[in-house]
Each structure stands twice: as structure tokens, then as C-alpha cells.
Amino acid sequence: MFHRIFIANRGEIAVRIIRACRELEIETVAVYSTADAHALHVQLATQSVCIGPARAAESYLNLSALLTAALETGCDAVHPGYGFLSENPEFAELCEKCDLRFIGPSGAVIRQMGNKAAARALMRRHGVPVVPGSDGPVPDAQTAAAIAAEIGYPVLIKASAGGGGRGMRRAYAPEELPTLFAAAQAEAAACFGNGELYVEKLIVNPRHIEFQILADRQGHVIHLGERDCSVQRKNQKLIEESPSRALDAGLRARMGEAAVAAARAAGYQSAGTVEFVLDQDGSFYFIEMNTRIQVEHPVTEMVTGVDLLREQIRIAAGLPLGLTQEQVCQSGCAMECRINAEDPRAGFRPAPGRTEFLHLPGGPGVRVDTALFPGYELPPYYDSLAAKLIVHAPTRLECIRRMRRALEELIIQGYPTTADLAHLILYHPDFVKGRYDTGFLEQHLDELLAWDCKA
């Protein structure tokens, strides 16, 4: 097992990693920018190192500074968390060259699965269903138009190296495609340094279902069930739950088998997530694999009792999985609400600020993952996630009621958050009945905000 782990991240995920390491009796080294000098992860780690100025490019994305700090503090492994460098193949390879175990898959696997066109081709070769579309990257708008005419509109233009909804455009008619192709290409080049695009059939208002994967270095691959992540805003998840109301036992088994097949095809090792879209007719299609721990991993931890961070660290240390597929058992229902420092009434504008007062909910089946504390200044330089509220209960209805209660107890004063919007969503009849898809928030946002005005 490792002696000291270097945490190349910040915020709540850094705190979560520190907690897992503490229970495994592993020392931790936290890094921080000047904006995070008083952050919680800095206070909780065994030791901490200032890595640079507030801008991420000069601190949390500075490969040489991170590796130098890891080596100088005597670490033997690096945990990248999520975001930042977690899916950067160069960082993973440099860690290994420096005799630092990267807690995640190899750089080659990250590179292969990070290129969505290449990942699609790999899945197709191994019998994992993919959305109909181009066989690989599309060189220009004319070729894209020909493929779109063949598979039928609407189509989705996507960046091969994309993520988070960037480098992505929906085309509903032939006359729209040239302009949208150029816009997606420009955005992809600006965001990822790679303007490569591919085209696929747009599945209108699907469910977004992802399966949690664990794969060790001995060749064992298992899945731990699904998470329904269909409540989204511009491809950013807001509420996740497990199990999904959209899956019956047979469909769950088929999707789980496909997820395991996808991980095997990639030669995957570590914790990861295989993401699918589920059409209204019950057809499902692979869309991507996230080669890291997910923001919403606590949902799976609550229904399975498996500590995913612990397993991820054990796998990286060369130990076999602590359980088999037959031993995976889901109990009850779990749900997570992402509490972002954003103002839904101002187009979800980021709203960082000082945490003037904080009260976190508690009680049976309630968990809060956050790096907030009273007086903490939420910096404007990074993502807007302030906290994750997770609940577990025997049934979905009890889970919804518990989440409502927990949101009512949550108090964050100093800046607006999405907590009130999440509370409203939990009262919407379509959500309560489980009849929602990725178009839910777009269809109902004005209605939900109007409810808030009446309240």
C-alpha cells in the first residue's frame, strides 16, 4: 500500500480523497493556489504546498510544478480527483516516468477513451451499441452534411476531444449544418486545442444513464449498477439518482454487461464510468467513458456500501478488487443534488462570494460532501460547485421526501445557489413519477421559477 499520496486537486473532491486516505492510514500532501490558502483541504491534509497563483493554468494545471512538489514531498502516488488533469494522458504518463503511481488508468487508455471518435470505433468493434453516425472524424462540413443526410436529421456535431457540452451543436435541418459545424469546430479548438469533430444521430430527449465500473490489474471487471443523470442544464448534471426508474431488471442487466464489455475493450484499470443514452423505445447507446472518479460517485456508494475512493486506491496499489460481481448488492434508493454557487434567475450566472453563514443538514441517510465552512471565500477562478447533498432511503418516494427535508435544512448565506431550484424540482409531478429525460429542465425551468415567485 502507498505511504504518501499527492492530491492534484482542490475543493470537495480533495477533502473526499483525504478522508479515504486517512482511513487507510496513508499520509496526504495537498496543493493549493494563493486563492485557496485557507481552504479546507489544505487544513485537513498531512502537509500542504502552495503551487502557484490563483489562475488554474499557473497552479492546478501546471504539470511541472505539480510533479516537482510531489517528488520533493516524498509521495509515491498521485490522485488527480476529477476535472483539472484527471483525464490528461500526458500527466498520467509523466507521473509514471517519475515513479509516481497515477491513481487512474494508463495514459494510453485515457488518450484512447478521451477521443470520442476513436472510442466509438473501439466500442463498435467489440459489439457495444453506439449511436448511428460517422465512422470517425469528419474533415469538413460537406462530409458532415452527407452523413447527416444518410442517417437523418436531427444530428449532433460533437468534438472528438470534447466534454461538458463544449464543442457540441445540434442541427435540425441541412441549412443549419455549415454554420453550426464551423461554430463547434472553433469552440473545440479553443477549449481543447483540437478542432476534430464527428457526427451522430441526435437522440431527442433521451435518459442519460451511466454505469459505475471497477477494474483491477488482475483482469477483474465489475459494475456497481447505474445512475440516472437526466436532470441536466446544458449537459451539466444537477440531480442524479440510483436506481433509475427507466430500467427494468432485464434492461439493467444488458446495459451492465455492455458497460463491462466497454471497460474490457479499453483495457481499463481503476474506477470509471460508462455513459449511455437510453432512447424512448428502450434502445441504448454508448456515448463516452469517463476515465476518473465522477462528481456523483456518492450515489453509488450509498446504494452499494462500496467506498469507491478506497477501491480506486487499492487498485492503483496492485491489490485485487474487494468484491465480485455476484457480491454487488444494491439496497434502497440514493439521490444527489449538486449545490452550485449560481443564480438560476440570472441565467445561472456564477456567483462566488464569502460564506457568511452555513448550516448543513443531518439525520438518518443524509450525507454532505463539501469544502465550505463559515467565513470561507468561494473563489471565482474555478467551477461553481459549493456542495453535494446526498440522501439514501428504502424507497424512491422516501428518498425524495428525505432530500426535500435536507434541502430545507441547508442554509448557505452569502451568495445564491441552486438549492432552491433543486427543492422545486423534487415537487414537480413528472420528477416524482420518474417521467423525466434530458429535456426536463429546458421544458420546465420557467414553470419552476414561477412557482418560486408564488411561494
Protein backbone atom coordinates (compact mmCIF):
# COMPACT_ATOMS: atom_id res chain seq x y z
CA MET A 1 0.00 0.00 0.00
CA PHE A 2 1.08 3.60 -0.54
CA HIS A 3 2.82 5.62 2.16
CA ARG A 4 2.00 9.15 0.97
CA ILE A 5 -0.43 10.32 -1.73
CA PHE A 6 -0.18 13.63 -3.56
CA ILE A 7 -3.59 15.20 -4.27
CA ALA A 8 -3.51 17.16 -7.52
CA ASN A 9 -6.86 18.84 -6.95
CA ARG A 10 -8.85 21.08 -4.64
CA GLY A 11 -12.29 21.58 -3.09
CA GLU A 12 -14.67 18.86 -2.01
CA ILE A 13 -13.00 16.07 -4.02
CA ALA A 14 -9.66 16.81 -2.37
CA VAL A 15 -11.38 16.57 1.02
CA ARG A 16 -13.01 13.28 -0.03
CA ILE A 17 -9.64 11.82 -1.06
CA ILE A 18 -8.05 12.93 2.22
CA ARG A 19 -10.79 11.16 4.18
CA ALA A 20 -10.30 7.92 2.26
CA CYS A 21 -6.54 8.09 2.76
CA ARG A 22 -6.92 8.78 6.48
CA GLU A 23 -9.00 5.64 6.92
CA LEU A 24 -6.34 3.67 5.01
CA GLU A 25 -3.65 5.28 7.21
CA ILE A 26 -2.00 6.93 4.21
CA GLU A 27 -0.39 10.36 4.54
CA THR A 28 -1.56 13.10 2.17
CA VAL A 29 0.02 16.13 0.55
CA ALA A 30 -2.41 18.84 -0.57
CA VAL A 31 -1.61 21.53 -3.09
CA TYR A 32 -3.21 24.94 -3.20
CA SER A 33 -3.17 28.15 -5.18
CA THR A 34 -2.87 31.50 -3.46
CA ALA A 35 -6.67 31.78 -3.71
CA ASP A 36 -7.03 28.54 -1.73
CA ALA A 37 -4.54 29.26 1.05
CA HIS A 38 -7.22 28.86 3.75
CA ALA A 39 -9.22 26.09 2.03
CA LEU A 40 -10.43 23.06 3.97
CA HIS A 41 -8.36 20.51 2.07
CA VAL A 42 -5.24 22.47 2.98
CA GLN A 43 -6.13 22.28 6.65
CA LEU A 44 -7.01 18.56 6.64
CA ALA A 45 -4.03 17.14 4.73
CA THR A 46 -0.90 15.83 6.45
CA GLN A 47 1.03 18.60 4.75
CA SER A 48 0.36 21.17 2.05
CA VAL A 49 2.29 23.00 -0.65
CA CYS A 50 1.48 26.28 -2.44
CA ILE A 51 1.57 25.50 -6.13
CA GLY A 52 1.15 28.95 -7.69
CA PRO A 53 -1.17 31.91 -8.35
CA ALA A 54 -4.96 31.77 -8.42
CA ARG A 55 -5.30 31.10 -12.15
CA ALA A 56 -5.66 27.36 -12.74
CA ALA A 57 -3.21 27.43 -15.66
CA GLU A 58 -0.50 28.60 -13.26
CA SER A 59 -1.38 26.26 -10.39
CA TYR A 60 -3.67 23.23 -10.64
CA LEU A 61 -2.87 22.75 -14.36
CA ASN A 62 0.88 23.35 -14.02
CA LEU A 63 2.29 19.90 -14.70
CA SER A 64 5.92 20.64 -13.87
CA ALA A 65 5.09 22.44 -10.62
CA LEU A 66 2.81 19.60 -9.51
CA LEU A 67 5.32 16.86 -10.28
CA THR A 68 8.15 18.77 -8.62
CA ALA A 69 6.06 19.20 -5.47
CA ALA A 70 5.08 15.53 -5.45
CA LEU A 71 8.68 14.38 -5.70
CA GLU A 72 10.03 16.89 -3.17
CA THR A 73 7.46 15.80 -0.57
CA GLY A 74 8.32 12.11 -0.99
CA CYS A 75 5.00 10.94 -2.39
CA ASP A 76 4.66 7.57 -4.08
CA ALA A 77 1.30 8.12 -5.81
CA VAL A 78 -0.80 10.93 -7.28
CA HIS A 79 -4.58 11.18 -7.11
CA PRO A 80 -5.99 13.60 -9.72
CA GLY A 81 -9.61 13.67 -8.48
CA TYR A 82 -11.96 14.91 -11.22
CA GLY A 83 -11.57 17.87 -13.57
CA PHE A 84 -8.22 19.65 -13.99
CA LEU A 85 -5.65 16.99 -15.02
CA SER A 86 -7.66 13.89 -14.17
CA GLU A 87 -8.13 12.94 -17.83
CA ASN A 88 -4.86 14.32 -19.14
CA PRO A 89 -2.84 11.43 -20.64
CA GLU A 90 0.40 13.41 -20.59
CA PHE A 91 0.09 13.97 -16.84
CA ALA A 92 -0.59 10.26 -16.22
CA GLU A 93 2.46 9.28 -18.29
CA LEU A 94 4.72 11.85 -16.65
CA CYS A 95 3.70 10.58 -13.21
CA GLU A 96 4.72 7.04 -14.17
CA LYS A 97 8.03 8.28 -15.63
CA CYS A 98 8.72 9.94 -12.29
CA ASP A 99 7.97 6.67 -10.42
CA LEU A 100 4.74 8.12 -9.10
CA ARG A 101 1.75 5.78 -9.39
CA PHE A 102 -1.08 7.61 -11.14
CA ILE A 103 -4.33 6.64 -9.39
CA GLY A 104 -6.31 6.04 -12.53
CA PRO A 105 -5.93 4.27 -15.87
CA SER A 106 -2.84 4.50 -18.06
CA GLY A 107 -2.17 7.47 -20.29
CA ALA A 108 -2.80 5.30 -23.35
CA VAL A 109 -6.28 4.36 -22.13
CA ILE A 110 -7.12 7.95 -21.21
CA ARG A 111 -5.98 9.10 -24.65
CA GLN A 112 -7.98 6.42 -26.44
CA MET A 113 -11.22 6.96 -24.50
CA GLY A 114 -10.81 10.73 -24.45
CA ASN A 115 -11.04 10.80 -28.22
CA LYS A 116 -14.75 10.17 -28.66
CA ALA A 117 -14.47 9.24 -32.31
CA ALA A 118 -11.81 6.63 -31.51
CA ALA A 119 -13.82 5.38 -28.53
CA ARG A 120 -16.91 4.95 -30.73
CA ALA A 121 -14.91 2.89 -33.23
CA LEU A 122 -13.49 0.72 -30.43
CA MET A 123 -16.93 0.09 -28.96
CA ARG A 124 -18.36 -0.81 -32.37
CA ARG A 125 -15.59 -3.40 -32.88
CA HIS A 126 -16.43 -5.03 -29.54
CA GLY A 127 -20.19 -5.17 -30.01
CA VAL A 128 -21.12 -2.31 -27.68
CA PRO A 129 -24.03 -0.39 -29.26
CA VAL A 130 -23.18 3.15 -30.39
CA VAL A 131 -25.37 5.92 -31.78
CA PRO A 132 -25.53 5.79 -35.60
CA GLY A 133 -23.12 8.28 -37.13
CA SER A 134 -19.74 8.81 -38.74
CA ASP A 135 -17.15 6.03 -38.51
CA GLY A 136 -14.53 8.51 -37.39
CA PRO A 137 -13.59 12.19 -37.52
CA VAL A 138 -15.34 14.29 -40.17
CA PRO A 139 -12.94 16.51 -42.17
CA ASP A 140 -15.36 19.24 -43.24
CA ALA A 141 -18.94 20.50 -43.25
CA GLN A 142 -19.65 18.98 -46.68
CA THR A 143 -18.80 15.48 -45.46
CA ALA A 144 -20.82 16.10 -42.32
CA ALA A 145 -23.81 17.12 -44.44
CA ALA A 146 -23.58 13.92 -46.46
CA ILE A 147 -23.51 11.77 -43.32
CA ALA A 148 -26.41 13.74 -41.82
CA ALA A 149 -28.48 13.19 -44.97
CA GLU A 150 -27.78 9.45 -44.71
CA ILE A 151 -28.65 8.96 -41.02
CA GLY A 152 -31.39 11.61 -40.96
CA TYR A 153 -31.90 14.83 -39.02
CA PRO A 154 -31.62 15.93 -36.29
CA VAL A 155 -27.90 15.26 -35.80
CA LEU A 156 -25.35 16.09 -33.14
CA ILE A 157 -22.00 17.61 -34.10
CA LYS A 158 -19.50 16.72 -31.37
CA ALA A 159 -15.86 17.43 -30.60
CA SER A 160 -13.74 14.27 -30.56
CA ALA A 161 -11.84 15.64 -27.56
CA GLY A 162 -14.87 17.35 -26.04
CA GLY A 163 -16.58 17.33 -22.70
CA GLY A 164 -19.01 19.33 -20.59
CA GLY A 165 -21.17 20.23 -23.57
CA ARG A 166 -18.43 22.28 -25.28
CA GLY A 167 -17.69 21.75 -28.95
CA MET A 168 -21.20 20.40 -29.42
CA ARG A 169 -24.04 21.64 -31.63
CA ARG A 170 -27.46 20.29 -32.61
CA ALA A 171 -28.50 20.57 -36.27
CA TYR A 172 -32.18 20.10 -37.11
CA ALA A 173 -32.05 20.97 -40.82
CA PRO A 174 -29.48 20.89 -43.67
CA GLU A 175 -29.27 24.68 -43.96
CA GLU A 176 -28.14 24.95 -40.31
CA LEU A 177 -25.28 22.50 -40.55
CA PRO A 178 -22.45 24.56 -42.15
CA THR A 179 -22.71 27.38 -39.62
CA LEU A 180 -23.05 25.00 -36.65
CA PHE A 181 -20.15 22.86 -37.84
CA ALA A 182 -17.89 25.92 -38.00
CA ALA A 183 -19.01 27.09 -34.54
CA ALA A 184 -18.42 23.67 -32.97
CA GLN A 185 -15.01 23.40 -34.61
CA ALA A 186 -13.94 26.83 -33.38
CA GLU A 187 -15.14 26.13 -29.85
CA ALA A 188 -13.45 22.71 -29.77
CA ALA A 189 -10.16 24.18 -30.95
CA ALA A 190 -10.35 26.95 -28.34
CA CYS A 191 -11.35 24.70 -25.43
CA PHE A 192 -9.37 21.54 -26.16
CA GLY A 193 -6.71 22.54 -28.66
CA ASN A 194 -8.28 20.08 -31.07
CA GLY A 195 -10.94 21.03 -33.62
CA GLU A 196 -11.65 17.45 -34.71
CA LEU A 197 -15.39 16.70 -34.95
CA TYR A 198 -17.65 13.74 -35.62
CA VAL A 199 -21.37 13.47 -36.37
CA GLU A 200 -24.00 11.21 -34.85
CA LYS A 201 -27.77 10.88 -34.82
CA LEU A 202 -29.36 13.11 -32.19
CA ILE A 203 -31.44 11.02 -29.83
CA VAL A 204 -34.13 13.50 -28.86
CA ASN A 205 -34.74 13.81 -25.11
CA PRO A 206 -33.20 10.50 -24.03
CA ARG A 207 -32.44 9.36 -20.49
CA HIS A 208 -28.78 9.75 -19.56
CA ILE A 209 -27.75 6.56 -17.79
CA GLU A 210 -24.22 5.83 -16.57
CA PHE A 211 -22.77 2.65 -15.08
CA GLN A 212 -20.06 2.68 -12.44
CA ILE A 213 -17.12 0.41 -13.28
CA LEU A 214 -14.31 -1.02 -11.17
CA ALA A 215 -11.46 -2.87 -12.88
CA ASP A 216 -8.31 -4.15 -11.19
CA ARG A 217 -4.86 -5.03 -12.53
CA GLN A 218 -5.62 -8.75 -12.33
CA GLY A 219 -8.22 -8.53 -15.10
CA HIS A 220 -11.38 -8.46 -12.94
CA VAL A 221 -14.06 -6.03 -14.13
CA ILE A 222 -17.37 -5.40 -12.39
CA HIS A 223 -20.12 -2.80 -12.50
CA LEU A 224 -21.95 -1.39 -9.48
CA GLY A 225 -25.22 -0.51 -11.13
CA GLU A 226 -26.43 2.67 -12.75
CA ARG A 227 -27.00 6.32 -12.02
CA ASP A 228 -29.71 8.28 -13.81
CA CYS A 229 -28.24 11.71 -14.62
CA SER A 230 -31.01 13.02 -16.86
CA VAL A 231 -31.78 16.22 -14.94
CA GLN A 232 -29.30 18.50 -16.66
CA ARG A 233 -28.76 22.04 -17.77
CA LYS A 234 -26.71 22.43 -20.96
CA ASN A 235 -25.25 18.94 -20.47
CA GLN A 236 -24.26 19.72 -16.87
CA LYS A 237 -25.82 17.31 -14.37
CA LEU A 238 -27.86 18.75 -11.50
CA ILE A 239 -29.59 15.76 -9.88
CA GLU A 240 -28.52 12.10 -10.03
CA GLU A 241 -30.22 9.03 -8.63
CA SER A 242 -29.93 5.26 -8.40
CA PRO A 243 -31.61 3.02 -9.33
CA SER A 244 -33.18 4.51 -12.44
CA ARG A 245 -36.95 4.32 -12.84
CA ALA A 246 -36.39 3.88 -16.58
CA LEU A 247 -34.72 0.45 -16.24
CA ASP A 248 -36.27 -2.91 -15.54
CA ALA A 249 -34.20 -5.90 -14.44
CA GLY A 250 -33.60 -7.16 -17.98
CA LEU A 251 -32.53 -3.82 -19.40
CA ARG A 252 -30.32 -3.15 -16.37
CA ALA A 253 -28.55 -6.48 -16.90
CA ARG A 254 -27.97 -5.81 -20.61
CA MET A 255 -26.63 -2.33 -20.00
CA GLY A 256 -24.40 -3.57 -17.18
CA GLU A 257 -22.96 -6.26 -19.45
CA ALA A 258 -22.32 -3.65 -22.15
CA ALA A 259 -20.56 -1.40 -19.62
CA VAL A 260 -18.27 -4.24 -18.53
CA ALA A 261 -17.59 -5.09 -22.18
CA ALA A 262 -16.69 -1.46 -22.84
CA ALA A 263 -14.21 -1.41 -19.94
CA ARG A 264 -12.64 -4.69 -21.08
CA ALA A 265 -12.35 -3.41 -24.64
CA ALA A 266 -10.44 -0.38 -23.38
CA GLY A 267 -8.13 -2.46 -21.17
CA TYR A 268 -9.39 -0.37 -18.29
CA GLN A 269 -7.98 -0.37 -14.75
CA SER A 270 -9.36 1.81 -11.91
CA ALA A 271 -12.75 3.33 -11.17
CA GLY A 272 -14.54 4.67 -14.24
CA THR A 273 -17.95 5.37 -15.70
CA VAL A 274 -19.51 4.16 -18.93
CA GLU A 275 -22.19 6.56 -20.14
CA PHE A 276 -25.19 5.67 -22.29
CA VAL A 277 -28.20 7.42 -23.74
CA LEU A 278 -31.45 5.49 -23.44
CA ASP A 279 -33.98 6.09 -26.21
CA GLN A 280 -37.71 6.18 -25.56
CA ASP A 281 -38.07 2.79 -27.30
CA GLY A 282 -35.68 1.11 -24.85
CA SER A 283 -32.63 1.14 -27.15
CA PHE A 284 -29.40 2.26 -25.50
CA TYR A 285 -26.17 3.55 -26.97
CA PHE A 286 -22.64 4.14 -25.67
CA ILE A 287 -21.67 7.83 -25.71
CA GLU A 288 -18.44 8.04 -23.72
CA MET A 289 -16.32 6.70 -20.90
CA ASN A 290 -15.16 8.93 -18.06
CA THR A 291 -11.72 7.71 -17.03
CA ARG A 292 -11.84 9.13 -13.49
CA ILE A 293 -13.95 9.27 -10.36
CA GLN A 294 -17.23 11.08 -11.01
CA VAL A 295 -18.71 14.03 -9.13
CA GLU A 296 -21.78 11.87 -8.44
CA HIS A 297 -19.91 8.79 -7.15
CA PRO A 298 -21.53 9.09 -3.66
CA VAL A 299 -24.86 7.95 -5.16
CA THR A 300 -23.36 4.54 -5.92
CA GLU A 301 -21.56 4.41 -2.58
CA MET A 302 -24.87 4.94 -0.76
CA VAL A 303 -26.78 2.15 -2.53
CA THR A 304 -23.95 -0.41 -2.62
CA GLY A 305 -21.96 0.36 0.53
CA VAL A 306 -18.75 0.27 -1.55
CA ASP A 307 -16.17 3.00 -0.90
CA LEU A 308 -15.15 3.85 -4.46
CA LEU A 309 -12.17 6.00 -3.45
CA ARG A 310 -10.84 3.20 -1.27
CA GLU A 311 -11.22 0.71 -4.11
CA GLN A 312 -9.58 3.11 -6.55
CA ILE A 313 -6.54 3.47 -4.29
CA ARG A 314 -6.34 -0.29 -3.67
CA ILE A 315 -6.46 -1.00 -7.41
CA ALA A 316 -3.66 1.50 -8.07
CA ALA A 317 -1.59 -0.24 -5.38
CA GLY A 318 -1.94 -3.51 -7.29
CA LEU A 319 -4.47 -5.15 -4.98
CA PRO A 320 -7.40 -7.13 -6.39
CA LEU A 321 -10.99 -5.94 -6.15
CA GLY A 322 -12.54 -6.42 -2.74
CA LEU A 323 -15.70 -7.96 -4.19
CA THR A 324 -17.05 -9.91 -7.15
CA GLN A 325 -19.96 -9.08 -9.44
CA GLU A 326 -22.12 -11.57 -7.56
CA GLN A 327 -21.39 -9.78 -4.28
CA VAL A 328 -22.55 -6.37 -5.57
CA CYS A 329 -25.90 -5.65 -3.98
CA GLN A 330 -27.98 -2.50 -4.28
CA SER A 331 -30.15 -1.51 -1.35
CA GLY A 332 -32.80 1.21 -1.42
CA CYS A 333 -32.56 4.45 -3.37
CA ALA A 334 -29.98 7.26 -3.33
CA MET A 335 -30.07 10.73 -4.80
CA GLU A 336 -27.60 13.61 -5.13
CA CYS A 337 -28.27 17.31 -5.66
CA ARG A 338 -25.37 19.44 -6.81
CA ILE A 339 -25.46 22.76 -4.99
CA ASN A 340 -23.75 25.27 -7.25
CA ALA A 341 -22.96 28.89 -6.44
CA GLU A 342 -25.06 30.10 -9.35
CA ASP A 343 -28.11 32.32 -9.76
CA PRO A 344 -30.86 30.47 -11.69
CA ARG A 345 -32.76 33.75 -12.12
CA ALA A 346 -29.81 35.34 -13.91
CA GLY A 347 -29.19 32.59 -16.45
CA PHE A 348 -27.26 30.51 -13.90
CA ARG A 349 -24.55 33.17 -13.65
CA PRO A 350 -21.72 32.02 -11.35
CA ALA A 351 -21.98 33.84 -8.03
CA PRO A 352 -18.92 33.20 -5.85
CA GLY A 353 -18.56 35.02 -2.55
CA ARG A 354 -17.98 34.80 1.17
CA THR A 355 -19.86 32.11 3.09
CA GLU A 356 -21.42 34.32 5.73
CA PHE A 357 -23.41 31.54 7.45
CA LEU A 358 -23.55 27.79 6.92
CA HIS A 359 -25.80 25.10 8.31
CA LEU A 360 -25.54 21.59 6.92
CA PRO A 361 -28.40 19.08 7.21
CA GLY A 362 -28.10 15.80 9.07
CA GLY A 363 -30.17 12.91 10.28
CA PRO A 364 -30.57 9.34 9.01
CA GLY A 365 -29.40 8.71 5.47
CA VAL A 366 -28.05 12.22 4.84
CA ARG A 367 -24.53 12.97 3.61
CA VAL A 368 -22.96 16.28 2.61
CA ASP A 369 -19.71 16.43 0.64
CA THR A 370 -18.36 19.98 0.72
CA ALA A 371 -15.31 22.09 1.43
CA LEU A 372 -17.38 25.01 2.75
CA PHE A 373 -17.12 26.42 6.26
CA PRO A 374 -18.37 29.69 7.79
CA GLY A 375 -16.23 32.55 6.55
CA TYR A 376 -14.85 30.60 3.59
CA GLU A 377 -14.43 32.71 0.46
CA LEU A 378 -15.63 30.68 -2.52
CA PRO A 379 -13.14 31.75 -5.22
CA PRO A 380 -14.27 32.89 -8.68
CA TYR A 381 -11.45 31.13 -10.52
CA TYR A 382 -12.74 27.56 -10.54
CA ASP A 383 -16.01 25.68 -11.00
CA SER A 384 -19.09 26.82 -9.09
CA LEU A 385 -19.75 23.61 -7.12
CA ALA A 386 -20.30 24.55 -3.47
CA ALA A 387 -21.62 21.28 -2.02
CA LYS A 388 -23.14 17.92 -2.86
CA LEU A 389 -26.16 16.81 -0.87
CA ILE A 390 -26.74 13.05 -0.93
CA VAL A 391 -29.52 11.07 0.71
CA HIS A 392 -30.43 7.39 0.95
CA ALA A 393 -33.75 5.78 1.85
CA PRO A 394 -35.52 2.41 1.42
CA THR A 395 -37.79 3.61 -1.42
CA ARG A 396 -37.66 6.33 -4.07
CA LEU A 397 -40.57 8.27 -2.57
CA GLU A 398 -38.93 8.22 0.85
CA CYS A 399 -35.69 9.32 -0.81
CA ILE A 400 -37.42 12.28 -2.44
CA ARG A 401 -39.04 13.27 0.85
CA ARG A 402 -35.73 12.97 2.68
CA MET A 403 -33.98 15.12 0.08
CA ARG A 404 -36.71 17.76 0.34
CA ARG A 405 -36.25 17.84 4.11
CA ALA A 406 -32.45 18.01 3.82
CA LEU A 407 -32.64 20.88 1.31
CA GLU A 408 -34.97 22.74 3.67
CA GLU A 409 -32.38 22.40 6.44
CA LEU A 410 -29.47 23.50 4.24
CA ILE A 411 -28.56 27.16 4.76
CA ILE A 412 -25.81 28.83 2.74
CA GLN A 413 -25.79 32.60 3.13
CA GLY A 414 -23.56 35.00 1.21
CA TYR A 415 -24.37 34.10 -2.40
CA PRO A 416 -27.19 32.50 -4.38
CA THR A 417 -27.17 28.75 -5.03
CA THR A 418 -29.17 26.18 -6.95
CA ALA A 419 -30.54 24.63 -3.74
CA ASP A 420 -33.98 26.26 -4.05
CA LEU A 421 -34.30 25.13 -7.67
CA ALA A 422 -33.43 21.56 -6.68
CA HIS A 423 -36.12 21.71 -4.00
CA LEU A 424 -38.70 22.82 -6.58
CA ILE A 425 -37.70 20.06 -8.99
CA LEU A 426 -38.39 17.49 -6.26
CA TYR A 427 -42.02 18.63 -6.18
CA HIS A 428 -42.63 18.53 -9.92
CA PRO A 429 -45.11 15.74 -10.79
CA ASP A 430 -43.01 14.44 -13.70
CA PHE A 431 -39.94 14.10 -11.49
CA VAL A 432 -41.88 12.49 -8.64
CA LYS A 433 -43.31 9.93 -11.06
CA GLY A 434 -39.90 9.34 -12.63
CA ARG A 435 -41.13 10.53 -16.02
CA TYR A 436 -38.29 12.83 -16.98
CA ASP A 437 -35.48 12.95 -19.54
CA THR A 438 -32.61 15.24 -20.52
CA GLY A 439 -35.11 17.82 -21.77
CA PHE A 440 -36.80 18.13 -18.37
CA LEU A 441 -35.20 21.37 -17.15
CA GLU A 442 -35.38 23.08 -20.53
CA GLN A 443 -39.10 22.29 -20.68
CA HIS A 444 -39.95 23.22 -17.09
CA LEU A 445 -37.46 25.87 -15.91
CA ASP A 446 -39.80 28.85 -16.39
CA GLU A 447 -42.60 26.92 -14.67
CA LEU A 448 -40.37 26.05 -11.71
CA LEU A 449 -39.11 29.61 -11.28
CA ALA A 450 -42.70 30.86 -11.42
CA TRP A 451 -43.57 28.50 -8.55
CA ASP A 452 -40.78 30.09 -6.55
CA CYS A 453 -42.21 33.57 -7.17
CA LYS A 454 -45.64 32.46 -5.92
CA ALA A 455 -44.10 30.96 -2.82
